[in-house]
């Protein structure tokens, strides 16, 4: 006995998606309608890097990272000659002022770019 071929269903074509005109949406950051700017930023352990602290400082944001391994954190003193009476044992590093001077212009450019797109 011969089988009859199965009938194919016709599927209507997909409708095109309407996209809003204008500039594309930004990923992350405040929306153009946002009027609230953060004063304090709570971050996970990943937020405790020197560049992130520097960027937040330049943007006027107080960074408050959660510190999981406090024994691994490096606290910096301004120079080797500076000593603190009761907390000197905490400071295991010295600020590398030459490194800061080398990257200061780039960091300021990033801050200006962020501020240019922020409301």
N, C-alpha and C. Protein backbone atom coordinates (compact mmCIF):
# COMPACT_ATOMS: atom_id res chain seq x y z
N UNK A 1 0.83 -1.16 0.00
CA UNK A 1 0.00 0.00 0.00
C UNK A 1 0.89 1.24 0.00
N UNK A 2 0.65 2.15 -0.88
CA UNK A 2 1.46 3.36 -1.01
C UNK A 2 1.00 4.41 -0.03
N UNK A 3 2.03 5.06 0.55
CA UNK A 3 1.72 6.14 1.51
C UNK A 3 1.54 7.45 0.75
N UNK A 4 0.60 8.22 1.21
CA UNK A 4 0.41 9.54 0.62
C UNK A 4 1.38 10.52 1.26
N UNK A 5 1.95 11.40 0.47
CA UNK A 5 2.90 12.36 1.05
C UNK A 5 2.20 13.27 2.05
N UNK A 6 2.94 13.59 3.12
CA UNK A 6 2.38 14.47 4.15
C UNK A 6 2.25 15.87 3.60
N UNK A 7 1.18 16.51 3.96
CA UNK A 7 0.96 17.88 3.51
C UNK A 7 1.86 18.82 4.30
N UNK A 8 2.47 19.74 3.62
CA UNK A 8 3.30 20.72 4.34
C UNK A 8 2.45 21.91 4.74
N UNK A 9 2.65 22.34 5.94
CA UNK A 9 1.93 23.50 6.42
C UNK A 9 2.67 24.75 5.96
N UNK A 10 1.96 25.74 5.61
CA UNK A 10 2.65 26.98 5.26
C UNK A 10 2.73 27.84 6.52
N UNK A 11 3.92 28.30 6.81
CA UNK A 11 4.16 29.13 7.99
C UNK A 11 4.22 30.58 7.53
N UNK A 12 3.46 31.44 8.17
CA UNK A 12 3.51 32.85 7.74
C UNK A 12 4.89 33.43 8.02
N UNK A 13 5.33 34.35 7.18
CA UNK A 13 6.65 34.94 7.40
C UNK A 13 6.70 35.76 8.68
N UNK A 14 7.87 35.80 9.29
CA UNK A 14 8.03 36.55 10.55
C UNK A 14 7.93 38.03 10.26
N UNK A 15 7.31 38.73 11.19
CA UNK A 15 7.19 40.18 11.05
C UNK A 15 8.51 40.83 11.45
N UNK A 16 8.90 41.87 10.75
CA UNK A 16 10.15 42.55 11.14
C UNK A 16 9.99 43.24 12.49
N UNK A 17 11.06 43.24 13.25
CA UNK A 17 11.05 43.87 14.57
C UNK A 17 11.28 45.37 14.38
N UNK A 18 10.41 46.16 15.00
CA UNK A 18 10.57 47.60 14.90
C UNK A 18 11.57 48.06 15.96
N UNK A 19 12.59 48.74 15.53
CA UNK A 19 13.61 49.25 16.44
C UNK A 19 13.47 50.77 16.53
N UNK A 20 13.65 51.32 17.73
CA UNK A 20 13.54 52.78 17.85
C UNK A 20 14.68 53.46 17.09
N UNK A 21 14.36 54.60 16.53
CA UNK A 21 15.38 55.36 15.82
C UNK A 21 16.22 56.15 16.81
N UNK A 22 17.33 56.66 16.35
CA UNK A 22 18.21 57.43 17.22
C UNK A 22 19.43 56.61 17.59
N UNK A 23 20.09 57.04 18.64
CA UNK A 23 21.32 56.34 18.99
C UNK A 23 20.99 55.05 19.73
N UNK A 24 21.86 54.04 19.59
CA UNK A 24 21.60 52.75 20.23
C UNK A 24 21.67 52.87 21.75
N UNK A 25 20.99 51.97 22.46
CA UNK A 25 21.02 52.04 23.92
C UNK A 25 22.42 51.74 24.44
N UNK A 26 22.77 52.40 25.53
CA UNK A 26 24.07 52.16 26.16
C UNK A 26 23.97 50.95 27.06
N UNK A 27 25.05 50.20 27.13
CA UNK A 27 25.10 49.05 28.01
C UNK A 27 25.65 49.49 29.35
N UNK A 28 24.89 49.30 30.38
CA UNK A 28 25.33 49.69 31.72
C UNK A 28 25.25 51.19 31.90
N UNK A 29 25.55 51.65 33.08
CA UNK A 29 25.55 53.08 33.35
C UNK A 29 24.15 53.62 33.47
N UNK A 30 24.04 54.88 33.83
CA UNK A 30 22.72 55.48 34.01
C UNK A 30 22.04 55.70 32.66
N UNK A 31 20.73 55.61 32.67
CA UNK A 31 19.98 55.90 31.46
C UNK A 31 19.89 57.42 31.31
N UNK A 32 19.62 57.91 30.11
CA UNK A 32 19.56 59.36 29.94
C UNK A 32 18.53 60.03 30.83
N UNK A 33 17.48 59.32 31.24
CA UNK A 33 16.46 59.91 32.10
C UNK A 33 16.86 59.92 33.57
N UNK A 34 17.94 59.22 33.92
CA UNK A 34 18.32 59.10 35.33
C UNK A 34 18.84 60.42 35.85
N UNK A 35 18.36 60.82 37.00
CA UNK A 35 18.83 62.04 37.63
C UNK A 35 19.63 61.72 38.88
N UNK A 36 19.59 60.48 39.33
CA UNK A 36 20.30 60.09 40.55
C UNK A 36 21.68 59.60 40.17
N UNK A 37 22.69 60.18 40.75
CA UNK A 37 24.07 59.76 40.52
C UNK A 37 24.59 59.12 41.80
N UNK A 38 25.31 58.01 41.68
CA UNK A 38 25.78 57.33 42.90
C UNK A 38 26.85 58.13 43.61
N UNK A 39 26.76 58.17 44.93
CA UNK A 39 27.79 58.79 45.74
C UNK A 39 28.69 57.73 46.35
N UNK A 40 28.10 56.55 46.58
CA UNK A 40 28.83 55.41 47.13
C UNK A 40 28.54 54.20 46.26
N UNK A 41 29.57 53.44 45.95
CA UNK A 41 29.42 52.24 45.13
C UNK A 41 29.89 51.05 45.94
N UNK A 42 28.97 50.13 46.24
CA UNK A 42 29.32 48.89 46.94
C UNK A 42 29.64 47.85 45.89
N UNK A 43 30.81 47.24 45.99
CA UNK A 43 31.26 46.28 44.98
C UNK A 43 31.67 44.98 45.65
N UNK A 44 31.72 43.94 44.84
CA UNK A 44 32.21 42.66 45.33
C UNK A 44 33.72 42.69 45.46
N UNK A 45 34.29 41.54 45.70
CA UNK A 45 35.74 41.44 45.87
C UNK A 45 36.48 41.95 44.64
N UNK A 46 35.87 41.83 43.45
CA UNK A 46 36.52 42.27 42.22
C UNK A 46 36.69 43.78 42.18
N UNK A 47 35.97 44.51 42.99
CA UNK A 47 36.05 45.96 42.98
C UNK A 47 37.24 46.53 43.72
N UNK A 48 38.07 45.68 44.29
CA UNK A 48 39.19 46.20 45.07
C UNK A 48 40.49 46.19 44.29
N UNK A 49 40.48 46.81 43.11
CA UNK A 49 41.72 46.94 42.35
C UNK A 49 42.12 48.41 42.33
N UNK A 50 43.40 48.66 42.18
CA UNK A 50 43.90 50.03 42.22
C UNK A 50 43.30 50.90 41.11
N UNK A 51 43.21 50.41 39.86
CA UNK A 51 42.60 51.26 38.82
C UNK A 51 41.14 51.62 39.11
N UNK A 52 40.38 50.68 39.68
CA UNK A 52 38.98 50.95 39.99
C UNK A 52 38.88 52.00 41.10
N UNK A 53 39.73 51.89 42.12
CA UNK A 53 39.75 52.91 43.17
C UNK A 53 40.08 54.28 42.59
N UNK A 54 41.08 54.32 41.70
CA UNK A 54 41.48 55.60 41.10
C UNK A 54 40.38 56.19 40.24
N UNK A 55 39.71 55.36 39.44
CA UNK A 55 38.63 55.83 38.58
C UNK A 55 37.47 56.37 39.42
N UNK A 56 37.10 55.65 40.47
CA UNK A 56 36.02 56.10 41.33
C UNK A 56 36.38 57.41 42.02
N UNK A 57 37.62 57.54 42.43
CA UNK A 57 38.07 58.77 43.08
C UNK A 57 37.95 59.97 42.13
N UNK A 58 38.38 59.76 40.87
CA UNK A 58 38.29 60.83 39.88
C UNK A 58 36.85 61.18 39.53
N UNK A 59 35.94 60.20 39.61
CA UNK A 59 34.53 60.45 39.33
C UNK A 59 33.77 60.98 40.54
N UNK A 60 34.43 61.03 41.69
CA UNK A 60 33.78 61.52 42.90
C UNK A 60 32.87 60.49 43.54
N UNK A 61 33.15 59.21 43.31
CA UNK A 61 32.35 58.12 43.87
C UNK A 61 33.16 57.44 44.95
N UNK A 62 32.54 57.23 46.11
CA UNK A 62 33.20 56.52 47.21
C UNK A 62 33.03 55.02 46.97
N UNK A 63 34.13 54.31 46.76
CA UNK A 63 34.09 52.87 46.50
C UNK A 63 34.19 52.11 47.82
N UNK A 64 33.25 51.19 48.02
CA UNK A 64 33.20 50.38 49.24
C UNK A 64 33.17 48.90 48.85
N UNK A 65 34.34 48.30 48.52
CA UNK A 65 34.33 46.89 48.13
C UNK A 65 34.21 45.98 49.35
N UNK A 66 33.58 44.84 49.12
CA UNK A 66 33.56 43.82 50.17
C UNK A 66 34.92 43.14 50.14
N UNK A 67 35.54 43.04 51.27
CA UNK A 67 36.88 42.46 51.32
C UNK A 67 36.79 41.09 51.95
N UNK A 68 36.93 40.08 51.14
CA UNK A 68 36.83 38.70 51.62
C UNK A 68 38.13 38.27 52.30
N UNK A 69 39.27 38.47 51.65
CA UNK A 69 40.55 38.06 52.22
C UNK A 69 41.36 39.28 52.64
N UNK A 70 41.07 39.82 53.80
CA UNK A 70 41.72 41.06 54.27
C UNK A 70 43.23 40.89 54.40
N UNK A 71 43.68 39.65 54.61
CA UNK A 71 45.13 39.44 54.76
C UNK A 71 45.86 39.61 53.43
N UNK A 72 45.13 39.54 52.30
CA UNK A 72 45.74 39.69 50.98
C UNK A 72 45.74 41.14 50.48
N UNK A 73 45.07 42.03 51.19
CA UNK A 73 44.96 43.42 50.75
C UNK A 73 46.26 44.16 51.05
N UNK A 74 46.69 44.97 50.09
CA UNK A 74 47.90 45.76 50.27
C UNK A 74 47.48 47.20 50.58
N UNK A 75 47.91 47.69 51.73
CA UNK A 75 47.69 49.09 52.09
C UNK A 75 48.96 49.86 51.77
N UNK A 76 48.77 51.03 51.13
CA UNK A 76 49.91 51.80 50.66
C UNK A 76 50.14 53.04 51.52
N UNK A 77 51.40 53.31 51.81
CA UNK A 77 51.77 54.56 52.48
C UNK A 77 52.29 55.51 51.39
N UNK A 78 52.20 56.82 51.59
CA UNK A 78 52.63 57.77 50.55
C UNK A 78 54.11 57.63 50.19
N UNK A 79 54.96 57.50 51.17
CA UNK A 79 56.40 57.30 50.95
C UNK A 79 56.94 56.37 52.02
N UNK A 80 58.14 55.86 51.80
CA UNK A 80 58.74 54.96 52.79
C UNK A 80 59.06 55.67 54.10
N UNK A 81 59.24 56.97 54.03
CA UNK A 81 59.62 57.72 55.24
C UNK A 81 58.43 58.01 56.16
N UNK A 82 57.21 57.82 55.68
CA UNK A 82 56.02 58.07 56.50
C UNK A 82 55.74 56.84 57.37
N UNK A 83 55.57 57.07 58.66
CA UNK A 83 55.24 55.99 59.59
C UNK A 83 54.06 56.41 60.45
N UNK A 84 53.21 55.45 60.76
CA UNK A 84 52.02 55.71 61.57
C UNK A 84 52.18 54.98 62.90
N UNK A 85 51.80 55.66 63.96
CA UNK A 85 52.09 55.15 65.30
C UNK A 85 51.46 53.80 65.60
N UNK A 86 50.18 53.66 65.43
CA UNK A 86 49.50 52.43 65.87
C UNK A 86 49.17 51.47 64.73
N UNK A 87 49.18 51.94 63.50
CA UNK A 87 48.75 51.09 62.39
C UNK A 87 49.85 50.86 61.35
N UNK A 88 51.07 51.15 61.68
CA UNK A 88 52.17 51.05 60.71
C UNK A 88 52.34 49.64 60.16
N UNK A 89 52.03 48.63 60.93
CA UNK A 89 52.21 47.24 60.49
C UNK A 89 51.25 46.87 59.34
N UNK A 90 50.16 47.63 59.18
CA UNK A 90 49.21 47.35 58.10
C UNK A 90 49.76 47.71 56.73
N UNK A 91 50.63 48.71 56.66
CA UNK A 91 51.10 49.23 55.38
C UNK A 91 52.28 48.41 54.88
N UNK A 92 52.02 47.66 53.78
CA UNK A 92 53.06 46.80 53.23
C UNK A 92 53.58 47.30 51.90
N UNK A 93 52.99 48.36 51.36
CA UNK A 93 53.42 48.89 50.08
C UNK A 93 53.58 50.40 50.12
N UNK A 94 54.27 50.92 49.12
CA UNK A 94 54.44 52.36 48.97
C UNK A 94 53.80 52.78 47.66
N UNK A 95 53.23 53.98 47.63
CA UNK A 95 52.60 54.49 46.42
C UNK A 95 53.66 54.68 45.34
N UNK A 96 53.37 54.18 44.15
CA UNK A 96 54.27 54.34 43.00
C UNK A 96 53.82 55.59 42.25
N UNK A 97 54.36 56.75 42.65
CA UNK A 97 53.95 58.03 42.08
C UNK A 97 54.30 58.13 40.60
N UNK A 98 55.37 57.48 40.16
CA UNK A 98 55.73 57.50 38.74
C UNK A 98 54.69 56.74 37.90
N UNK A 99 54.17 55.64 38.43
CA UNK A 99 53.14 54.88 37.73
C UNK A 99 51.87 55.72 37.60
N UNK A 100 51.52 56.43 38.66
CA UNK A 100 50.33 57.29 38.63
C UNK A 100 50.53 58.40 37.61
N UNK A 101 51.70 59.02 37.59
CA UNK A 101 51.96 60.09 36.62
C UNK A 101 51.92 59.57 35.18
N UNK A 102 52.38 58.34 34.97
CA UNK A 102 52.38 57.76 33.63
C UNK A 102 50.96 57.56 33.11
N UNK A 103 50.05 57.12 33.97
CA UNK A 103 48.69 56.78 33.52
C UNK A 103 47.65 57.84 33.85
N UNK A 104 48.04 58.95 34.45
CA UNK A 104 47.08 59.98 34.86
C UNK A 104 46.31 60.54 33.67
N UNK A 105 47.00 60.85 32.58
CA UNK A 105 46.34 61.41 31.41
C UNK A 105 45.30 60.45 30.84
N UNK A 106 45.62 59.15 30.79
CA UNK A 106 44.67 58.16 30.28
C UNK A 106 43.45 58.04 31.19
N UNK A 107 43.67 58.05 32.48
CA UNK A 107 42.56 57.95 33.44
C UNK A 107 41.65 59.17 33.34
N UNK A 108 42.24 60.34 33.20
CA UNK A 108 41.45 61.57 33.07
C UNK A 108 40.64 61.53 31.78
N UNK A 109 41.22 61.01 30.71
CA UNK A 109 40.49 60.89 29.44
C UNK A 109 39.29 59.96 29.58
N UNK A 110 39.46 58.85 30.31
CA UNK A 110 38.34 57.93 30.56
C UNK A 110 37.25 58.63 31.35
N UNK A 111 37.63 59.38 32.38
CA UNK A 111 36.65 60.10 33.20
C UNK A 111 35.90 61.12 32.36
N UNK A 112 36.60 61.86 31.52
CA UNK A 112 35.94 62.85 30.66
C UNK A 112 35.00 62.18 29.67
N UNK A 113 35.35 61.02 29.17
CA UNK A 113 34.48 60.29 28.25
C UNK A 113 33.21 59.81 28.96
N UNK A 114 33.36 59.32 30.19
CA UNK A 114 32.20 58.88 30.96
C UNK A 114 31.28 60.06 31.26
N UNK A 115 31.88 61.18 31.65
CA UNK A 115 31.07 62.35 31.97
C UNK A 115 30.39 62.94 30.74
N UNK A 116 30.98 62.75 29.56
CA UNK A 116 30.40 63.30 28.34
C UNK A 116 29.10 62.59 27.97
N UNK A 117 28.97 61.31 28.29
CA UNK A 117 27.75 60.57 27.96
C UNK A 117 26.78 60.52 29.13
N UNK A 118 27.21 60.87 30.30
CA UNK A 118 26.32 60.85 31.47
C UNK A 118 25.43 62.09 31.42
N UNK A 119 24.22 61.98 31.95
CA UNK A 119 23.30 63.14 31.93
C UNK A 119 23.80 64.26 32.80
